[in-house]
Amino acid sequence: MQLIQLAILFTVMFWSIIRPFDMLTWIMEAAPAIIAVIILSMTYKKFRFTRIVYWCVLIHCIILLVGAHYTYARVPLFDWFREWFHLSRNNYDKLGHLAQGFFPALVVREILLRTSPLRKGKWLFFLVVCVCLAVSAFYEFLEWWAGAAMGGSADDFLGSQGYVWDTQSDMFLAMTGAVLSLILLGGMHDRQITEECPS
């Protein structure tokens, strides 16, 4: 990641860890962002992604870190949305799951385009969406295991807020996010791959 992106990321991370609602929840919610930054830093010289991918990772990390600070069920802006639109729950976690498909889709797409025989087309589109959906399903497994292991103390991490279809809607939103990302950003991504990764 470029220096300006790292500066933004670490500023948000510093804010996020100062007096979070619950430190254990912060650790669990922020862990994917921290792991992503470590992996991208370690692989930067060997496999440098396009600019758009690094911006996507940054935005996704910010969404995760905001959710980690407040917990996904207590993000103030989405509490206001709940009141303004008379909603039954704080829907920040739904934004998080949409992002779980939207931003990683370009990461998966670039890895497949640059390291496999796959080329642009229907199979690439299908497989990217499948990978994003699989990652979302695995995350739901993690939430299930955390809930089973921690009982009620995992409620802030789960963020289901009593919604019976929470798991299914989370996976659907991740899939929808991946599809939207490929449709909206695929062309720009192709141009950057051509310009920045000629090999």
C-alpha atoms as a PDB file:
ATOM      1  CA  MET A   1       0.000   0.000   0.000  1.00  0.00           C
ATOM      2  CA  GLN A   2       1.201   3.527  -0.696  1.00  0.00           C
ATOM      3  CA  LEU A   3       2.301   5.828   2.128  1.00  0.00           C
ATOM      4  CA  ILE A   4      -0.790   8.047   1.981  1.00  0.00           C
ATOM      5  CA  GLN A   5      -3.047   4.996   2.191  1.00  0.00           C
ATOM      6  CA  LEU A   6      -1.066   3.621   5.123  1.00  0.00           C
ATOM      7  CA  ALA A   7      -1.268   7.000   6.860  1.00  0.00           C
ATOM      8  CA  ILE A   8      -5.059   7.031   6.470  1.00  0.00           C
ATOM      9  CA  LEU A   9      -5.309   3.424   7.613  1.00  0.00           C
ATOM     10  CA  PHE A  10      -3.178   3.848  10.730  1.00  0.00           C
ATOM     11  CA  THR A  11      -4.984   7.078  11.668  1.00  0.00           C
ATOM     12  CA  VAL A  12      -8.329   5.267  11.546  1.00  0.00           C
ATOM     13  CA  MET A  13      -6.868   2.254  13.356  1.00  0.00           C
ATOM     14  CA  PHE A  14      -5.461   4.492  16.113  1.00  0.00           C
ATOM     15  CA  TRP A  15      -8.860   6.166  16.538  1.00  0.00           C
ATOM     16  CA  SER A  16     -10.636   2.811  16.444  1.00  0.00           C
ATOM     17  CA  ILE A  17      -8.635   1.235  19.256  1.00  0.00           C
ATOM     18  CA  ILE A  18      -9.044   4.191  21.640  1.00  0.00           C
ATOM     19  CA  ARG A  19     -11.784   3.233  24.105  1.00  0.00           C
ATOM     20  CA  PRO A  20     -13.764   0.859  21.876  1.00  0.00           C
ATOM     21  CA  PHE A  21     -17.141  -0.349  23.117  1.00  0.00           C
ATOM     22  CA  ASP A  22     -15.657  -3.761  23.923  1.00  0.00           C
ATOM     23  CA  MET A  23     -11.989  -4.724  23.470  1.00  0.00           C
ATOM     24  CA  LEU A  24     -12.611  -8.410  22.737  1.00  0.00           C
ATOM     25  CA  THR A  25     -15.128  -7.452  20.051  1.00  0.00           C
ATOM     26  CA  TRP A  26     -12.616  -4.920  18.674  1.00  0.00           C
ATOM     27  CA  ILE A  27      -9.986  -7.644  18.352  1.00  0.00           C
ATOM     28  CA  MET A  28     -12.360 -10.009  16.542  1.00  0.00           C
ATOM     29  CA  GLU A  29     -13.780  -7.336  14.226  1.00  0.00           C
ATOM     30  CA  ALA A  30     -10.463  -5.629  13.457  1.00  0.00           C
ATOM     31  CA  ALA A  31      -8.532  -8.877  12.928  1.00  0.00           C
ATOM     32  CA  PRO A  32      -9.415  -9.241   9.198  1.00  0.00           C
ATOM     33  CA  ALA A  33      -8.170  -5.700   8.505  1.00  0.00           C
ATOM     34  CA  ILE A  34      -4.948  -6.266  10.441  1.00  0.00           C
ATOM     35  CA  ILE A  35      -4.322  -9.615   8.744  1.00  0.00           C
ATOM     36  CA  ALA A  36      -4.969  -8.094   5.291  1.00  0.00           C
ATOM     37  CA  VAL A  37      -2.486  -5.279   5.915  1.00  0.00           C
ATOM     38  CA  ILE A  38       0.179  -7.722   7.128  1.00  0.00           C
ATOM     39  CA  ILE A  39      -0.278  -9.988   4.085  1.00  0.00           C
ATOM     40  CA  LEU A  40      -0.272  -7.083   1.613  1.00  0.00           C
ATOM     41  CA  SER A  41       2.826  -5.604   3.245  1.00  0.00           C
ATOM     42  CA  MET A  42       4.679  -8.926   3.140  1.00  0.00           C
ATOM     43  CA  THR A  43       3.815  -9.582  -0.512  1.00  0.00           C
ATOM     44  CA  TYR A  44       4.159  -5.990  -1.805  1.00  0.00           C
ATOM     45  CA  LYS A  45       7.492  -6.507  -3.568  1.00  0.00           C
ATOM     46  CA  LYS A  46       6.603  -9.890  -5.064  1.00  0.00           C
ATOM     47  CA  PHE A  47       3.008  -9.201  -6.106  1.00  0.00           C
ATOM     48  CA  ARG A  48       2.006  -5.561  -6.348  1.00  0.00           C
ATOM     49  CA  PHE A  49      -1.700  -5.038  -6.901  1.00  0.00           C
ATOM     50  CA  THR A  50      -3.209  -2.254  -8.970  1.00  0.00           C
ATOM     51  CA  ARG A  51      -4.058   1.107  -7.397  1.00  0.00           C
ATOM     52  CA  ILE A  52      -7.786   0.401  -7.380  1.00  0.00           C
ATOM     53  CA  VAL A  53      -7.289  -2.783  -5.375  1.00  0.00           C
ATOM     54  CA  TYR A  54      -5.286  -0.991  -2.684  1.00  0.00           C
ATOM     55  CA  TRP A  55      -7.981   1.699  -2.424  1.00  0.00           C
ATOM     56  CA  CYS A  56     -10.645  -1.011  -2.167  1.00  0.00           C
ATOM     57  CA  VAL A  57      -8.693  -2.712   0.629  1.00  0.00           C
ATOM     58  CA  LEU A  58      -8.324   0.616   2.455  1.00  0.00           C
ATOM     59  CA  ILE A  59     -12.047   1.410   2.280  1.00  0.00           C
ATOM     60  CA  HIS A  60     -12.922  -2.110   3.429  1.00  0.00           C
ATOM     61  CA  CYS A  61     -10.489  -1.829   6.358  1.00  0.00           C
ATOM     62  CA  ILE A  62     -12.062   1.485   7.395  1.00  0.00           C
ATOM     63  CA  ILE A  63     -15.529  -0.106   7.387  1.00  0.00           C
ATOM     64  CA  LEU A  64     -14.188  -2.948   9.558  1.00  0.00           C
ATOM     65  CA  LEU A  65     -12.421  -0.604  11.982  1.00  0.00           C
ATOM     66  CA  VAL A  66     -15.476   1.629  12.443  1.00  0.00           C
ATOM     67  CA  GLY A  67     -17.547  -1.479  13.181  1.00  0.00           C
ATOM     68  CA  ALA A  68     -14.862  -2.713  15.561  1.00  0.00           C
ATOM     69  CA  HIS A  69     -14.855   0.562  17.508  1.00  0.00           C
ATOM     70  CA  TYR A  70     -18.603   0.865  18.062  1.00  0.00           C
ATOM     71  CA  THR A  71     -19.650  -2.772  17.347  1.00  0.00           C
ATOM     72  CA  TYR A  72     -21.706  -3.243  14.201  1.00  0.00           C
ATOM     73  CA  ALA A  73     -25.015  -2.859  16.018  1.00  0.00           C
ATOM     74  CA  ARG A  74     -24.097   0.535  17.539  1.00  0.00           C
ATOM     75  CA  VAL A  75     -22.555   2.685  14.781  1.00  0.00           C
ATOM     76  CA  PRO A  76     -24.133   6.114  15.479  1.00  0.00           C
ATOM     77  CA  LEU A  77     -24.802   7.155  11.859  1.00  0.00           C
ATOM     78  CA  PHE A  78     -26.788   3.976  11.284  1.00  0.00           C
ATOM     79  CA  ASP A  79     -28.669   4.507  14.548  1.00  0.00           C
ATOM     80  CA  TRP A  80     -29.773   7.826  13.071  1.00  0.00           C
ATOM     81  CA  PHE A  81     -30.805   6.060   9.844  1.00  0.00           C
ATOM     82  CA  ARG A  82     -32.801   3.601  11.934  1.00  0.00           C
ATOM     83  CA  GLU A  83     -34.657   6.448  13.609  1.00  0.00           C
ATOM     84  CA  TRP A  84     -35.152   8.535  10.456  1.00  0.00           C
ATOM     85  CA  PHE A  85     -36.481   5.633   8.392  1.00  0.00           C
ATOM     86  CA  HIS A  86     -38.214   3.808  11.284  1.00  0.00           C
ATOM     87  CA  LEU A  87     -36.127   0.682  10.786  1.00  0.00           C
ATOM     88  CA  SER A  88     -36.158  -2.190  13.260  1.00  0.00           C
ATOM     89  CA  ARG A  89     -32.352  -2.480  13.568  1.00  0.00           C
ATOM     90  CA  ASN A  90     -29.013  -0.777  13.022  1.00  0.00           C
ATOM     91  CA  ASN A  91     -27.972  -1.952   9.548  1.00  0.00           C
ATOM     92  CA  TYR A  92     -24.262  -1.099   9.594  1.00  0.00           C
ATOM     93  CA  ASP A  93     -23.471  -4.820   9.616  1.00  0.00           C
ATOM     94  CA  LYS A  94     -25.381  -5.121   6.320  1.00  0.00           C
ATOM     95  CA  LEU A  95     -23.092  -2.478   4.820  1.00  0.00           C
ATOM     96  CA  GLY A  96     -20.178  -4.511   6.187  1.00  0.00           C
ATOM     97  CA  HIS A  97     -21.381  -7.689   4.486  1.00  0.00           C
ATOM     98  CA  LEU A  98     -22.043  -5.894   1.199  1.00  0.00           C
ATOM     99  CA  ALA A  99     -18.460  -4.615   1.441  1.00  0.00           C
ATOM    100  CA  GLN A 100     -17.294  -8.167   2.237  1.00  0.00           C
ATOM    101  CA  GLY A 101     -18.145  -9.036  -1.353  1.00  0.00           C
ATOM    102  CA  PHE A 102     -17.670  -5.696  -3.109  1.00  0.00           C
ATOM    103  CA  PHE A 103     -14.062  -4.888  -2.233  1.00  0.00           C
ATOM    104  CA  PRO A 104     -12.472  -8.367  -2.086  1.00  0.00           C
ATOM    105  CA  ALA A 105     -13.959  -9.172  -5.519  1.00  0.00           C
ATOM    106  CA  LEU A 106     -11.274  -7.112  -7.239  1.00  0.00           C
ATOM    107  CA  VAL A 107      -8.544  -8.728  -5.133  1.00  0.00           C
ATOM    108  CA  VAL A 108      -9.734 -12.185  -6.187  1.00  0.00           C
ATOM    109  CA  ARG A 109     -10.200 -11.067  -9.792  1.00  0.00           C
ATOM    110  CA  GLU A 110      -6.685  -9.694 -10.035  1.00  0.00           C
ATOM    111  CA  ILE A 111      -5.086 -12.770  -8.486  1.00  0.00           C
ATOM    112  CA  LEU A 112      -6.945 -15.039 -10.907  1.00  0.00           C
ATOM    113  CA  LEU A 113      -6.184 -12.877 -13.961  1.00  0.00           C
ATOM    114  CA  ARG A 114      -2.497 -12.569 -13.169  1.00  0.00           C
ATOM    115  CA  THR A 115      -1.682 -16.041 -11.810  1.00  0.00           C
ATOM    116  CA  SER A 116      -4.023 -18.463 -13.576  1.00  0.00           C
ATOM    117  CA  PRO A 117      -4.983 -19.333 -17.167  1.00  0.00           C
ATOM    118  CA  LEU A 118      -8.375 -17.632 -16.635  1.00  0.00           C
ATOM    119  CA  ARG A 119      -9.162 -14.660 -18.840  1.00  0.00           C
ATOM    120  CA  LYS A 120     -11.867 -12.014 -18.811  1.00  0.00           C
ATOM    121  CA  GLY A 121     -15.307 -13.443 -19.396  1.00  0.00           C
ATOM    122  CA  LYS A 122     -18.190 -15.346 -17.860  1.00  0.00           C
ATOM    123  CA  TRP A 123     -16.074 -18.009 -16.117  1.00  0.00           C
ATOM    124  CA  LEU A 124     -13.907 -15.411 -14.407  1.00  0.00           C
ATOM    125  CA  PHE A 125     -16.996 -13.481 -13.302  1.00  0.00           C
ATOM    126  CA  PHE A 126     -18.645 -16.655 -11.981  1.00  0.00           C
ATOM    127  CA  LEU A 127     -15.567 -17.884 -10.111  1.00  0.00           C
ATOM    128  CA  VAL A 128     -14.848 -14.513  -8.489  1.00  0.00           C
ATOM    129  CA  VAL A 129     -18.416 -14.362  -7.184  1.00  0.00           C
ATOM    130  CA  CYS A 130     -18.128 -17.973  -5.965  1.00  0.00           C
ATOM    131  CA  VAL A 131     -14.908 -17.227  -4.061  1.00  0.00           C
ATOM    132  CA  CYS A 132     -16.440 -14.148  -2.420  1.00  0.00           C
ATOM    133  CA  LEU A 133     -19.531 -16.127  -1.454  1.00  0.00           C
ATOM    134  CA  ALA A 134     -17.345 -18.926  -0.042  1.00  0.00           C
ATOM    135  CA  VAL A 135     -15.362 -16.425   2.044  1.00  0.00           C
ATOM    136  CA  SER A 136     -18.614 -14.925   3.325  1.00  0.00           C
ATOM    137  CA  ALA A 137     -19.919 -18.395   4.236  1.00  0.00           C
ATOM    138  CA  PHE A 138     -16.674 -19.178   6.068  1.00  0.00           C
ATOM    139  CA  TYR A 139     -17.006 -15.910   8.008  1.00  0.00           C
ATOM    140  CA  GLU A 140     -20.493 -17.010   9.037  1.00  0.00           C
ATOM    141  CA  PHE A 141     -18.924 -20.264  10.277  1.00  0.00           C
ATOM    142  CA  LEU A 142     -16.521 -18.176  12.386  1.00  0.00           C
ATOM    143  CA  GLU A 143     -19.446 -16.233  13.842  1.00  0.00           C
ATOM    144  CA  TRP A 144     -21.234 -19.512  14.624  1.00  0.00           C
ATOM    145  CA  TRP A 145     -18.137 -20.984  16.319  1.00  0.00           C
ATOM    146  CA  ALA A 146     -17.543 -17.768  18.276  1.00  0.00           C
ATOM    147  CA  GLY A 147     -21.154 -17.797  19.417  1.00  0.00           C
ATOM    148  CA  ALA A 148     -20.935 -21.448  20.454  1.00  0.00           C
ATOM    149  CA  ALA A 149     -17.661 -20.923  22.316  1.00  0.00           C
ATOM    150  CA  MET A 150     -18.437 -17.601  23.975  1.00  0.00           C
ATOM    151  CA  GLY A 151     -22.190 -17.746  24.473  1.00  0.00           C
ATOM    152  CA  GLY A 152     -23.843 -14.407  25.199  1.00  0.00           C
ATOM    153  CA  SER A 153     -20.528 -12.571  25.295  1.00  0.00           C
ATOM    154  CA  ALA A 154     -20.283 -13.008  21.503  1.00  0.00           C
ATOM    155  CA  ASP A 155     -23.510 -11.067  20.852  1.00  0.00           C
ATOM    156  CA  ASP A 156     -21.662  -7.873  19.908  1.00  0.00           C
ATOM    157  CA  PHE A 157     -19.476  -9.800  17.453  1.00  0.00           C
ATOM    158  CA  LEU A 158     -22.463 -11.595  15.924  1.00  0.00           C
ATOM    159  CA  GLY A 159     -24.529  -8.425  15.572  1.00  0.00           C
ATOM    160  CA  SER A 160     -27.641 -10.335  14.492  1.00  0.00           C
ATOM    161  CA  GLN A 161     -29.903  -8.093  16.641  1.00  0.00           C
ATOM    162  CA  GLY A 162     -32.538 -10.819  16.775  1.00  0.00           C
ATOM    163  CA  TYR A 163     -32.944 -11.059  12.993  1.00  0.00           C
ATOM    164  CA  VAL A 164     -33.702 -14.716  12.218  1.00  0.00           C
ATOM    165  CA  TRP A 165     -32.404 -14.542   8.612  1.00  0.00           C
ATOM    166  CA  ASP A 166     -29.206 -12.678   9.501  1.00  0.00           C
ATOM    167  CA  THR A 167     -26.800 -15.375   8.248  1.00  0.00           C
ATOM    168  CA  GLN A 168     -28.570 -15.856   4.933  1.00  0.00           C
ATOM    169  CA  SER A 169     -28.963 -12.131   4.262  1.00  0.00           C
ATOM    170  CA  ASP A 170     -25.276 -11.552   5.110  1.00  0.00           C
ATOM    171  CA  MET A 171     -24.173 -14.077   2.503  1.00  0.00           C
ATOM    172  CA  PHE A 172     -26.632 -12.729  -0.057  1.00  0.00           C
ATOM    173  CA  LEU A 173     -25.301  -9.197   0.447  1.00  0.00           C
ATOM    174  CA  ALA A 174     -21.703 -10.370   0.027  1.00  0.00           C
ATOM    175  CA  MET A 175     -22.653 -12.081  -3.229  1.00  0.00           C
ATOM    176  CA  THR A 176     -24.530  -8.974  -4.379  1.00  0.00           C
ATOM    177  CA  GLY A 177     -21.535  -6.809  -3.497  1.00  0.00           C
ATOM    178  CA  ALA A 178     -19.221  -9.003  -5.563  1.00  0.00           C
ATOM    179  CA  VAL A 179     -21.541  -8.839  -8.593  1.00  0.00           C
ATOM    180  CA  LEU A 180     -21.867  -5.047  -8.306  1.00  0.00           C
ATOM    181  CA  SER A 181     -18.115  -4.624  -7.963  1.00  0.00           C
ATOM    182  CA  LEU A 182     -17.390  -6.626 -11.109  1.00  0.00           C
ATOM    183  CA  ILE A 183     -20.029  -4.751 -13.102  1.00  0.00           C
ATOM    184  CA  LEU A 184     -19.113  -1.258 -11.862  1.00  0.00           C
ATOM    185  CA  LEU A 185     -15.335  -1.496 -11.513  1.00  0.00           C
ATOM    186  CA  GLY A 186     -14.316  -4.309 -13.871  1.00  0.00           C
ATOM    187  CA  GLY A 187     -13.509  -1.994 -16.797  1.00  0.00           C
ATOM    188  CA  MET A 188     -11.393   0.360 -14.692  1.00  0.00           C
ATOM    189  CA  HIS A 189      -9.658  -2.631 -13.152  1.00  0.00           C
ATOM    190  CA  ASP A 190      -8.815  -4.014 -16.601  1.00  0.00           C
ATOM    191  CA  ARG A 191      -7.287  -0.698 -17.674  1.00  0.00           C
ATOM    192  CA  GLN A 192      -5.137  -0.508 -14.554  1.00  0.00           C
ATOM    193  CA  ILE A 193      -3.957  -4.086 -14.967  1.00  0.00           C
ATOM    194  CA  THR A 194      -2.917  -3.279 -18.562  1.00  0.00           C
ATOM    195  CA  GLU A 195      -1.123  -0.080 -17.504  1.00  0.00           C
ATOM    196  CA  GLU A 196       0.479  -1.245 -14.262  1.00  0.00           C
ATOM    197  CA  CYS A 197       1.048  -4.975 -14.801  1.00  0.00           C
ATOM    198  CA  PRO A 198       2.212  -5.379 -18.416  1.00  0.00           C
ATOM    199  CA  SER A 199       3.656  -8.840 -17.749  1.00  0.00           C
END
